[in-house]
Amino acid sequence: MTRSRRNETGELPLPLPPDMQDRQRTPPPRKPSARRPHPTNATIAGQDDLFARPLPPVPAPPRVVTHLQGAEVNLGPVPLRQFGPSDGADGYFYHVTTQQQAEDMLAHGISISPRAPLRLTERHGVMPWYAAMAEDMEAVSDEGGVAILRLRRFMVHDLVENDPDHTRAWGVPCYFLTGVARQAPI
């Protein structure tokens, strides 16, 4: 048996086929063909392309307030003699507390926390709240008596939420000042 020898390029010395003898060994360069766009799902199924639409706007995080200065919300004391049984609603929220806590709020502002919200009511809810606090007069007298504070409703209307327990117990609207802004204010 004889061995075939390869040339220096590593190819076997085979003759070219008869139809290739006329042509060169390398094929001519191909012309780039015009590409057709690939049909999308919208054209195939008749649906809109969900990725072609712009992204919806990212919602802003809710405003969170942890402290309110007294001057910001027009916080001030109100004497009890200004309240009567036929009082209607006005533009304020009211908070009934002890005199010592009221002085602290007037001096340093209102600290707000969603875990320990400040309870608020409307004008005609002050008397039931005052009566509930007056039942425990021993504890209240140690802190200087009962005080009533009011603050502007429109300054904090987006930071409050309903308090259904006290609203049901006293028969007047009551709220919690949580400090977390709501999409639809009360």
N, C-alpha and C. Protein backbone atom coordinates (compact mmCIF):
# COMPACT_ATOMS: atom_id res chain seq x y z
N MET A 1 0.82 -1.16 0.00
CA MET A 1 0.00 0.00 0.00
C MET A 1 0.87 1.24 0.00
N THR A 2 0.45 2.19 -0.74
CA THR A 2 1.24 3.41 -0.85
C THR A 2 0.58 4.51 -0.04
N ARG A 3 1.40 5.33 0.42
CA ARG A 3 0.93 6.48 1.18
C ARG A 3 0.91 7.69 0.29
N SER A 4 -0.12 8.53 0.53
CA SER A 4 -0.15 9.79 -0.21
C SER A 4 0.52 10.86 0.63
N ARG A 5 1.16 11.69 -0.06
CA ARG A 5 1.84 12.76 0.65
C ARG A 5 1.03 14.04 0.51
N ARG A 6 0.98 14.76 1.59
CA ARG A 6 0.29 16.04 1.57
C ARG A 6 1.27 17.12 1.19
N ASN A 7 0.73 18.19 0.57
CA ASN A 7 1.62 19.31 0.25
C ASN A 7 1.87 20.14 1.51
N GLU A 8 2.59 21.19 1.38
CA GLU A 8 3.00 21.98 2.54
C GLU A 8 1.85 22.73 3.19
N THR A 9 0.74 22.94 2.51
CA THR A 9 -0.41 23.61 3.11
C THR A 9 -1.28 22.66 3.88
N GLY A 10 -1.04 21.40 3.79
CA GLY A 10 -1.82 20.42 4.51
C GLY A 10 -2.96 19.85 3.71
N GLU A 11 -3.07 20.24 2.42
CA GLU A 11 -4.15 19.73 1.60
C GLU A 11 -3.70 18.49 0.86
N LEU A 12 -4.63 17.67 0.58
CA LEU A 12 -4.33 16.50 -0.23
C LEU A 12 -4.21 16.92 -1.69
N PRO A 13 -3.31 16.33 -2.42
CA PRO A 13 -3.14 16.69 -3.84
C PRO A 13 -4.19 16.02 -4.70
N LEU A 14 -5.41 16.53 -4.62
CA LEU A 14 -6.49 15.98 -5.43
C LEU A 14 -6.76 16.91 -6.59
N PRO A 15 -7.09 16.36 -7.70
CA PRO A 15 -7.40 17.24 -8.83
C PRO A 15 -8.74 17.90 -8.63
N LEU A 16 -8.94 19.10 -9.21
CA LEU A 16 -10.20 19.83 -9.15
C LEU A 16 -11.22 19.15 -10.03
N PRO A 17 -12.50 19.25 -9.66
CA PRO A 17 -13.53 18.71 -10.54
C PRO A 17 -13.54 19.46 -11.85
N PRO A 18 -14.05 18.86 -12.89
CA PRO A 18 -13.97 19.48 -14.21
C PRO A 18 -14.69 20.83 -14.28
N ASP A 19 -15.83 21.01 -13.60
CA ASP A 19 -16.53 22.29 -13.69
C ASP A 19 -15.84 23.38 -12.88
N MET A 20 -14.98 23.01 -11.94
CA MET A 20 -14.29 24.00 -11.12
C MET A 20 -12.94 24.40 -11.70
N GLN A 21 -12.48 23.71 -12.69
CA GLN A 21 -11.17 24.03 -13.24
C GLN A 21 -11.17 25.40 -13.88
N ASP A 22 -12.32 25.81 -14.40
CA ASP A 22 -12.40 27.12 -15.04
C ASP A 22 -12.46 28.24 -14.01
N ARG A 23 -13.00 27.96 -12.87
CA ARG A 23 -13.16 28.99 -11.84
C ARG A 23 -11.92 29.07 -10.96
N GLN A 24 -11.82 30.15 -10.25
CA GLN A 24 -10.72 30.27 -9.29
C GLN A 24 -11.04 29.43 -8.07
N ARG A 25 -10.08 29.25 -7.26
CA ARG A 25 -10.27 28.45 -6.06
C ARG A 25 -11.10 29.16 -5.01
N THR A 26 -11.08 30.48 -4.96
CA THR A 26 -11.87 31.23 -3.96
C THR A 26 -13.12 31.77 -4.61
N PRO A 27 -14.25 31.64 -3.96
CA PRO A 27 -15.48 32.17 -4.55
C PRO A 27 -15.49 33.69 -4.51
N PRO A 28 -16.21 34.32 -5.42
CA PRO A 28 -16.27 35.79 -5.41
C PRO A 28 -17.02 36.28 -4.17
N PRO A 29 -16.69 37.50 -3.68
CA PRO A 29 -17.37 38.01 -2.48
C PRO A 29 -18.86 38.23 -2.77
N ARG A 30 -19.68 37.94 -1.75
CA ARG A 30 -21.12 38.07 -1.90
C ARG A 30 -21.54 39.51 -1.64
N LYS A 31 -22.53 39.93 -2.35
CA LYS A 31 -23.08 41.28 -2.14
C LYS A 31 -24.01 41.22 -0.94
N PRO A 32 -23.96 42.24 -0.06
CA PRO A 32 -24.90 42.22 1.08
C PRO A 32 -26.33 42.41 0.58
N SER A 33 -27.19 41.57 1.06
CA SER A 33 -28.59 41.67 0.65
C SER A 33 -29.33 42.63 1.58
N ALA A 34 -30.34 43.25 1.04
CA ALA A 34 -31.16 44.17 1.86
C ALA A 34 -31.98 43.32 2.82
N ARG A 35 -31.90 43.67 4.09
CA ARG A 35 -32.62 42.91 5.11
C ARG A 35 -34.05 43.39 5.20
N ARG A 36 -34.93 42.46 5.32
CA ARG A 36 -36.33 42.79 5.54
C ARG A 36 -36.59 42.79 7.05
N PRO A 37 -37.42 43.72 7.54
CA PRO A 37 -37.71 43.70 8.97
C PRO A 37 -38.47 42.43 9.34
N HIS A 38 -38.14 41.95 10.51
CA HIS A 38 -38.79 40.75 11.01
C HIS A 38 -40.20 41.12 11.45
N PRO A 39 -41.19 40.35 11.07
CA PRO A 39 -42.55 40.70 11.47
C PRO A 39 -42.70 40.61 12.99
N THR A 40 -43.30 41.63 13.58
CA THR A 40 -43.48 41.67 15.04
C THR A 40 -44.76 40.96 15.42
N ASN A 41 -44.93 40.78 16.71
CA ASN A 41 -46.15 40.15 17.22
C ASN A 41 -47.37 41.00 16.90
N ALA A 42 -47.19 42.32 16.81
CA ALA A 42 -48.32 43.20 16.54
C ALA A 42 -48.87 42.94 15.14
N THR A 43 -47.96 42.71 14.18
CA THR A 43 -48.44 42.46 12.84
C THR A 43 -48.96 41.04 12.70
N ILE A 44 -48.44 40.14 13.50
CA ILE A 44 -48.87 38.75 13.41
C ILE A 44 -50.22 38.55 14.11
N ALA A 45 -50.30 38.96 15.37
CA ALA A 45 -51.50 38.68 16.15
C ALA A 45 -52.48 39.84 16.18
N GLY A 46 -52.14 41.00 15.64
CA GLY A 46 -53.04 42.14 15.67
C GLY A 46 -53.07 42.85 17.01
N GLN A 47 -52.05 42.67 17.83
CA GLN A 47 -51.99 43.32 19.14
C GLN A 47 -50.92 44.40 19.13
N ASP A 48 -51.07 45.34 20.08
CA ASP A 48 -50.07 46.39 20.24
C ASP A 48 -48.81 45.80 20.86
N ASP A 49 -47.70 46.39 20.53
CA ASP A 49 -46.43 46.00 21.12
C ASP A 49 -46.32 46.68 22.47
N LEU A 50 -46.35 45.92 23.56
CA LEU A 50 -46.32 46.48 24.90
C LEU A 50 -44.98 47.15 25.23
N PHE A 51 -43.92 46.73 24.56
CA PHE A 51 -42.62 47.30 24.85
C PHE A 51 -42.39 48.60 24.08
N ALA A 52 -43.23 48.91 23.12
CA ALA A 52 -43.09 50.15 22.35
C ALA A 52 -43.72 51.33 23.07
N ARG A 53 -44.61 51.06 24.01
CA ARG A 53 -45.26 52.14 24.75
C ARG A 53 -44.29 52.74 25.76
N PRO A 54 -44.46 54.02 26.09
CA PRO A 54 -43.61 54.59 27.14
C PRO A 54 -44.01 54.04 28.50
N LEU A 55 -43.05 53.98 29.40
CA LEU A 55 -43.31 53.48 30.74
C LEU A 55 -44.20 54.45 31.49
N PRO A 56 -45.07 53.96 32.37
CA PRO A 56 -45.89 54.87 33.15
C PRO A 56 -45.00 55.62 34.14
N PRO A 57 -45.43 56.80 34.57
CA PRO A 57 -44.59 57.55 35.50
C PRO A 57 -44.49 56.82 36.84
N VAL A 58 -43.34 56.94 37.44
CA VAL A 58 -43.10 56.32 38.73
C VAL A 58 -43.79 57.18 39.79
N PRO A 59 -44.66 56.58 40.62
CA PRO A 59 -45.35 57.40 41.62
C PRO A 59 -44.37 57.90 42.67
N ALA A 60 -44.57 59.12 43.07
CA ALA A 60 -43.71 59.71 44.10
C ALA A 60 -44.03 59.06 45.44
N PRO A 61 -43.03 58.85 46.27
CA PRO A 61 -43.32 58.28 47.58
C PRO A 61 -44.17 59.26 48.39
N PRO A 62 -45.01 58.74 49.27
CA PRO A 62 -45.86 59.64 50.04
C PRO A 62 -45.04 60.54 50.95
N ARG A 63 -45.56 61.72 51.17
CA ARG A 63 -44.90 62.67 52.06
C ARG A 63 -45.05 62.17 53.49
N VAL A 64 -43.96 62.12 54.21
CA VAL A 64 -43.96 61.67 55.59
C VAL A 64 -43.46 62.82 56.45
N VAL A 65 -44.26 63.20 57.43
CA VAL A 65 -43.92 64.30 58.33
C VAL A 65 -43.78 63.72 59.72
N THR A 66 -42.67 64.03 60.39
CA THR A 66 -42.45 63.53 61.75
C THR A 66 -42.53 64.62 62.80
N HIS A 67 -42.51 65.87 62.36
CA HIS A 67 -42.57 66.97 63.33
C HIS A 67 -43.21 68.19 62.67
N LEU A 68 -44.09 68.83 63.39
CA LEU A 68 -44.71 70.07 62.93
C LEU A 68 -44.45 71.17 63.94
N GLN A 69 -43.98 72.30 63.48
CA GLN A 69 -43.82 73.45 64.35
C GLN A 69 -45.19 74.08 64.60
N GLY A 70 -45.38 74.65 65.77
CA GLY A 70 -46.67 75.26 66.11
C GLY A 70 -47.06 76.38 65.17
N ALA A 71 -46.09 77.18 64.73
CA ALA A 71 -46.38 78.29 63.83
C ALA A 71 -46.80 77.80 62.45
N GLU A 72 -46.29 76.64 62.01
CA GLU A 72 -46.64 76.10 60.69
C GLU A 72 -48.12 75.78 60.58
N VAL A 73 -48.71 75.27 61.64
CA VAL A 73 -50.10 74.81 61.61
C VAL A 73 -51.03 75.72 62.40
N ASN A 74 -50.52 76.87 62.84
CA ASN A 74 -51.31 77.84 63.61
C ASN A 74 -51.85 77.20 64.89
N LEU A 75 -50.97 76.51 65.61
CA LEU A 75 -51.32 75.83 66.85
C LEU A 75 -51.51 76.86 67.96
N GLY A 76 -52.61 76.75 68.68
CA GLY A 76 -52.87 77.69 69.77
C GLY A 76 -53.90 77.15 70.73
N PRO A 77 -53.88 77.68 71.96
CA PRO A 77 -54.86 77.24 72.96
C PRO A 77 -56.22 77.91 72.73
N VAL A 78 -57.26 77.24 73.18
CA VAL A 78 -58.62 77.75 73.07
C VAL A 78 -59.28 77.56 74.44
N PRO A 79 -59.91 78.60 75.01
CA PRO A 79 -60.59 78.41 76.30
C PRO A 79 -61.86 77.59 76.13
N LEU A 80 -62.21 76.85 77.16
CA LEU A 80 -63.37 75.97 77.13
C LEU A 80 -64.68 76.74 76.97
N ARG A 81 -64.75 77.97 77.45
CA ARG A 81 -66.00 78.74 77.40
C ARG A 81 -66.42 79.08 75.96
N GLN A 82 -65.55 78.90 74.98
CA GLN A 82 -65.90 79.18 73.59
C GLN A 82 -66.69 78.04 72.94
N PHE A 83 -66.82 76.92 73.64
CA PHE A 83 -67.49 75.76 73.07
C PHE A 83 -68.88 75.61 73.65
N GLY A 84 -69.81 75.28 72.79
CA GLY A 84 -71.18 75.07 73.21
C GLY A 84 -71.77 73.86 72.50
N PRO A 85 -72.97 73.45 72.90
CA PRO A 85 -73.56 72.26 72.30
C PRO A 85 -73.98 72.44 70.84
N SER A 86 -74.20 73.66 70.40
CA SER A 86 -74.67 73.88 69.03
C SER A 86 -73.57 74.35 68.09
N ASP A 87 -72.32 74.08 68.45
CA ASP A 87 -71.21 74.51 67.61
C ASP A 87 -71.18 73.71 66.31
N GLY A 88 -70.94 74.40 65.22
CA GLY A 88 -70.80 73.76 63.92
C GLY A 88 -69.34 73.55 63.58
N ALA A 89 -69.10 72.92 62.46
CA ALA A 89 -67.73 72.67 62.02
C ALA A 89 -67.08 73.98 61.58
N ASP A 90 -65.79 74.08 61.78
CA ASP A 90 -65.03 75.24 61.31
C ASP A 90 -63.76 74.74 60.63
N GLY A 91 -62.82 75.60 60.39
CA GLY A 91 -61.60 75.24 59.65
C GLY A 91 -60.48 74.74 60.53
N TYR A 92 -60.79 74.18 61.70
CA TYR A 92 -59.75 73.73 62.62
C TYR A 92 -59.98 72.28 63.03
N PHE A 93 -58.89 71.64 63.42
CA PHE A 93 -58.93 70.38 64.16
C PHE A 93 -58.59 70.73 65.60
N TYR A 94 -59.14 69.97 66.55
CA TYR A 94 -58.92 70.24 67.98
C TYR A 94 -58.31 69.02 68.64
N HIS A 95 -57.48 69.28 69.64
CA HIS A 95 -56.84 68.23 70.43
C HIS A 95 -57.02 68.60 71.90
N VAL A 96 -57.60 67.69 72.68
CA VAL A 96 -57.81 67.91 74.10
C VAL A 96 -56.74 67.10 74.84
N THR A 97 -56.00 67.78 75.70
CA THR A 97 -54.89 67.14 76.40
C THR A 97 -54.71 67.79 77.77
N THR A 98 -53.67 67.41 78.47
CA THR A 98 -53.39 68.04 79.76
C THR A 98 -52.64 69.35 79.55
N GLN A 99 -52.67 70.19 80.55
CA GLN A 99 -52.03 71.50 80.44
C GLN A 99 -50.52 71.37 80.22
N GLN A 100 -49.90 70.43 80.89
CA GLN A 100 -48.45 70.24 80.75
C GLN A 100 -48.08 69.79 79.33
N GLN A 101 -48.84 68.87 78.77
CA GLN A 101 -48.56 68.42 77.41
C GLN A 101 -48.85 69.52 76.40
N ALA A 102 -49.87 70.33 76.66
CA ALA A 102 -50.19 71.44 75.76
C ALA A 102 -49.06 72.46 75.74
N GLU A 103 -48.51 72.79 76.90
CA GLU A 103 -47.39 73.74 76.96
C GLU A 103 -46.17 73.19 76.23
N ASP A 104 -45.94 71.88 76.35
CA ASP A 104 -44.82 71.25 75.65
C ASP A 104 -45.02 71.32 74.13
N MET A 105 -46.24 71.08 73.67
CA MET A 105 -46.53 71.16 72.23
C MET A 105 -46.39 72.59 71.71
N LEU A 106 -46.83 73.56 72.49
CA LEU A 106 -46.72 74.95 72.07
C LEU A 106 -45.26 75.40 72.01
N ALA A 107 -44.44 74.90 72.92
CA ALA A 107 -43.03 75.30 72.97
C ALA A 107 -42.18 74.57 71.92
N HIS A 108 -42.41 73.28 71.72
CA HIS A 108 -41.51 72.47 70.89
C HIS A 108 -42.16 71.94 69.61
N GLY A 109 -43.43 72.14 69.43
CA GLY A 109 -44.11 71.62 68.25
C GLY A 109 -44.72 70.26 68.52
N ILE A 110 -45.25 69.67 67.47
CA ILE A 110 -45.95 68.38 67.58
C ILE A 110 -45.09 67.30 66.95
N SER A 111 -44.76 66.28 67.76
CA SER A 111 -44.05 65.11 67.24
C SER A 111 -45.09 64.12 66.74
N ILE A 112 -44.89 63.64 65.51
CA ILE A 112 -45.88 62.77 64.88
C ILE A 112 -45.25 61.43 64.58
N SER A 113 -46.01 60.38 64.82
CA SER A 113 -45.57 59.02 64.50
C SER A 113 -46.78 58.20 64.08
N PRO A 114 -46.67 57.40 63.02
CA PRO A 114 -47.80 56.54 62.66
C PRO A 114 -48.11 55.49 63.73
N ARG A 115 -47.12 55.14 64.53
CA ARG A 115 -47.35 54.14 65.60
C ARG A 115 -48.01 54.75 66.82
N ALA A 116 -47.83 56.03 67.04
CA ALA A 116 -48.46 56.73 68.16
C ALA A 116 -49.03 58.04 67.63
N PRO A 117 -50.13 57.98 66.86
CA PRO A 117 -50.66 59.19 66.23
C PRO A 117 -51.35 60.11 67.25
N LEU A 118 -51.44 61.35 66.88
CA LEU A 118 -52.12 62.35 67.70
C LEU A 118 -53.60 62.32 67.34
N ARG A 119 -54.46 62.24 68.34
CA ARG A 119 -55.90 62.19 68.08
C ARG A 119 -56.43 63.61 67.93
N LEU A 120 -57.28 63.79 66.91
CA LEU A 120 -57.89 65.09 66.63
C LEU A 120 -59.39 64.91 66.47
N THR A 121 -60.13 66.00 66.66
CA THR A 121 -61.56 66.00 66.42
C THR A 121 -61.97 67.34 65.85
N GLU A 122 -63.23 67.44 65.45
CA GLU A 122 -63.77 68.71 64.98
C GLU A 122 -64.34 69.47 66.17
N ARG A 123 -64.82 70.67 65.93
CA ARG A 123 -65.26 71.56 67.01
C ARG A 123 -66.34 70.93 67.90
N HIS A 124 -67.33 70.28 67.32
CA HIS A 124 -68.40 69.72 68.15
C HIS A 124 -68.00 68.42 68.83
N GLY A 125 -66.77 67.96 68.65
CA GLY A 125 -66.27 66.78 69.35
C GLY A 125 -65.44 67.12 70.58
N VAL A 126 -65.21 68.41 70.83
CA VAL A 126 -64.38 68.80 71.97
C VAL A 126 -65.07 68.50 73.30
N MET A 127 -66.36 68.79 73.41
CA MET A 127 -67.07 68.59 74.68
C MET A 127 -67.14 67.12 75.10
N PRO A 128 -67.46 66.17 74.21
CA PRO A 128 -67.41 64.76 74.64
C PRO A 128 -66.02 64.31 75.05
N TRP A 129 -64.99 64.80 74.37
CA TRP A 129 -63.62 64.44 74.71
C TRP A 129 -63.24 65.04 76.06
N TYR A 130 -63.62 66.29 76.27
CA TYR A 130 -63.34 66.96 77.55
C TYR A 130 -64.04 66.22 78.69
N ALA A 131 -65.28 65.79 78.48
CA ALA A 131 -66.01 65.05 79.51
C ALA A 131 -65.34 63.72 79.81
N ALA A 132 -64.82 63.03 78.79
CA ALA A 132 -64.12 61.76 79.01
C ALA A 132 -62.84 61.97 79.80
N MET A 133 -62.15 63.06 79.56
CA MET A 133 -60.92 63.33 80.32
C MET A 133 -61.24 63.78 81.74
N ALA A 134 -62.32 64.50 81.93
CA ALA A 134 -62.68 65.01 83.26
C ALA A 134 -63.08 63.89 84.20
N GLU A 135 -63.45 62.72 83.69
CA GLU A 135 -63.79 61.59 84.56
C GLU A 135 -62.59 61.14 85.38
N ASP A 136 -61.41 61.26 84.85
CA ASP A 136 -60.19 60.89 85.57
C ASP A 136 -59.48 62.16 86.01
N MET A 137 -60.15 62.97 86.81
CA MET A 137 -59.63 64.29 87.19
C MET A 137 -58.38 64.21 88.05
N GLU A 138 -58.19 63.11 88.82
CA GLU A 138 -56.99 62.99 89.66
C GLU A 138 -55.73 62.96 88.79
N ALA A 139 -55.75 62.17 87.71
CA ALA A 139 -54.59 62.08 86.83
C ALA A 139 -54.39 63.38 86.06
N VAL A 140 -55.48 64.02 85.68
CA VAL A 140 -55.39 65.27 84.92
C VAL A 140 -54.92 66.42 85.81
N SER A 141 -55.36 66.46 87.06
CA SER A 141 -54.97 67.57 87.95
C SER A 141 -53.48 67.54 88.28
N ASP A 142 -52.86 66.35 88.24
CA ASP A 142 -51.42 66.26 88.48
C ASP A 142 -50.63 66.97 87.38
N GLU A 143 -51.21 67.09 86.19
CA GLU A 143 -50.51 67.71 85.07
C GLU A 143 -51.07 69.09 84.74
N GLY A 144 -51.78 69.70 85.66
CA GLY A 144 -52.20 71.09 85.50
C GLY A 144 -53.60 71.28 84.97
N GLY A 145 -54.38 70.25 84.79
CA GLY A 145 -55.74 70.39 84.29
C GLY A 145 -55.83 70.06 82.81
N VAL A 146 -57.00 70.36 82.25
CA VAL A 146 -57.27 70.05 80.85
C VAL A 146 -57.06 71.28 80.00
N ALA A 147 -56.45 71.09 78.83
CA ALA A 147 -56.23 72.19 77.89
C ALA A 147 -56.73 71.75 76.51
N ILE A 148 -57.17 72.74 75.74
CA ILE A 148 -57.67 72.48 74.40
C ILE A 148 -56.78 73.25 73.41
N LEU A 149 -56.28 72.53 72.42
CA LEU A 149 -55.45 73.14 71.37
C LEU A 149 -56.17 73.00 70.03
N ARG A 150 -55.93 73.96 69.16
CA ARG A 150 -56.49 73.85 67.81
C ARG A 150 -55.39 74.11 66.79
N LEU A 151 -55.55 73.51 65.62
CA LEU A 151 -54.61 73.71 64.52
C LEU A 151 -55.40 73.76 63.22
N ARG A 152 -54.83 74.46 62.25
CA ARG A 152 -55.51 74.67 60.97
C ARG A 152 -55.74 73.34 60.25
N ARG A 153 -56.95 73.14 59.83
CA ARG A 153 -57.33 71.90 59.16
C ARG A 153 -56.63 71.74 57.81
N PHE A 154 -56.59 72.80 56.99
CA PHE A 154 -56.03 72.67 55.65
C PHE A 154 -54.52 72.44 55.66
N MET A 155 -53.86 72.72 56.76
CA MET A 155 -52.41 72.49 56.84
C MET A 155 -52.07 71.01 57.02
N VAL A 156 -52.99 70.24 57.59
CA VAL A 156 -52.70 68.83 57.88
C VAL A 156 -53.75 67.88 57.31
N HIS A 157 -54.65 68.36 56.46
CA HIS A 157 -55.76 67.51 56.00
C HIS A 157 -55.29 66.26 55.25
N ASP A 158 -54.12 66.29 54.61
CA ASP A 158 -53.63 65.10 53.92
C ASP A 158 -52.83 64.18 54.83
N LEU A 159 -52.60 64.57 56.07
CA LEU A 159 -51.81 63.77 57.01
C LEU A 159 -52.67 63.06 58.05
N VAL A 160 -54.00 63.14 57.92
CA VAL A 160 -54.89 62.53 58.90
C VAL A 160 -55.64 61.36 58.28
N GLU A 161 -56.09 60.47 59.16
CA GLU A 161 -56.97 59.37 58.74
C GLU A 161 -58.06 59.22 59.79
N ASN A 162 -59.13 58.56 59.41
CA ASN A 162 -60.29 58.43 60.30
C ASN A 162 -59.97 57.58 61.51
N ASP A 163 -60.60 57.93 62.63
CA ASP A 163 -60.53 57.15 63.86
C ASP A 163 -61.94 56.61 64.10
N PRO A 164 -62.24 55.41 63.62
CA PRO A 164 -63.61 54.91 63.72
C PRO A 164 -64.07 54.61 65.14
N ASP A 165 -63.14 54.24 66.04
CA ASP A 165 -63.53 53.89 67.41
C ASP A 165 -64.10 55.08 68.17
N HIS A 166 -63.36 56.19 68.18
CA HIS A 166 -63.84 57.36 68.92
C HIS A 166 -64.99 58.05 68.19
N THR A 167 -65.00 57.96 66.88
CA THR A 167 -66.12 58.53 66.13
C THR A 167 -67.41 57.82 66.52
N ARG A 168 -67.36 56.52 66.65
CA ARG A 168 -68.54 55.75 67.04
C ARG A 168 -68.90 55.99 68.51
N ALA A 169 -67.89 56.06 69.38
CA ALA A 169 -68.16 56.21 70.82
C ALA A 169 -68.73 57.59 71.15
N TRP A 170 -68.20 58.64 70.52
CA TRP A 170 -68.63 59.99 70.87
C TRP A 170 -69.68 60.55 69.91
N GLY A 171 -69.88 59.91 68.80
CA GLY A 171 -70.87 60.37 67.83
C GLY A 171 -70.44 61.60 67.05
N VAL A 172 -69.15 61.87 67.01
CA VAL A 172 -68.60 63.01 66.26
C VAL A 172 -67.39 62.53 65.48
N PRO A 173 -67.05 63.17 64.37
CA PRO A 173 -65.88 62.73 63.60
C PRO A 173 -64.58 62.94 64.37
N CYS A 174 -63.78 61.88 64.45
CA CYS A 174 -62.47 61.94 65.09
C CYS A 174 -61.43 61.41 64.10
N TYR A 175 -60.19 61.86 64.28
CA TYR A 175 -59.13 61.55 63.31
C TYR A 175 -57.84 61.25 64.05
N PHE A 176 -56.91 60.61 63.32
CA PHE A 176 -55.55 60.40 63.78
C PHE A 176 -54.62 61.21 62.90
N LEU A 177 -53.72 61.96 63.50
CA LEU A 177 -52.67 62.67 62.77
C LEU A 177 -51.47 61.73 62.71
N THR A 178 -51.33 61.02 61.58
CA THR A 178 -50.28 60.00 61.45
C THR A 178 -48.99 60.54 60.85
N GLY A 179 -49.07 61.62 60.06
CA GLY A 179 -47.89 62.18 59.43
C GLY A 179 -47.59 61.59 58.07
N VAL A 180 -48.37 60.60 57.62
CA VAL A 180 -48.18 59.98 56.31
C VAL A 180 -49.24 60.56 55.39
N ALA A 181 -48.80 61.16 54.29
CA ALA A 181 -49.74 61.80 53.36
C ALA A 181 -50.59 60.75 52.66
N ARG A 182 -51.86 61.02 52.53
CA ARG A 182 -52.81 60.16 51.85
C ARG A 182 -53.05 60.67 50.45
N GLN A 183 -53.41 59.77 49.53
CA GLN A 183 -53.71 60.17 48.16
C GLN A 183 -54.97 61.01 48.12
N ALA A 184 -55.99 60.58 48.83
CA ALA A 184 -57.26 61.32 48.86
C ALA A 184 -57.47 61.83 50.28
N PRO A 185 -57.25 63.13 50.49
CA PRO A 185 -57.42 63.65 51.85
C PRO A 185 -58.87 63.56 52.31
N ILE A 186 -59.03 63.56 53.60
CA ILE A 186 -60.36 63.48 54.22
C ILE A 186 -61.08 64.80 54.09
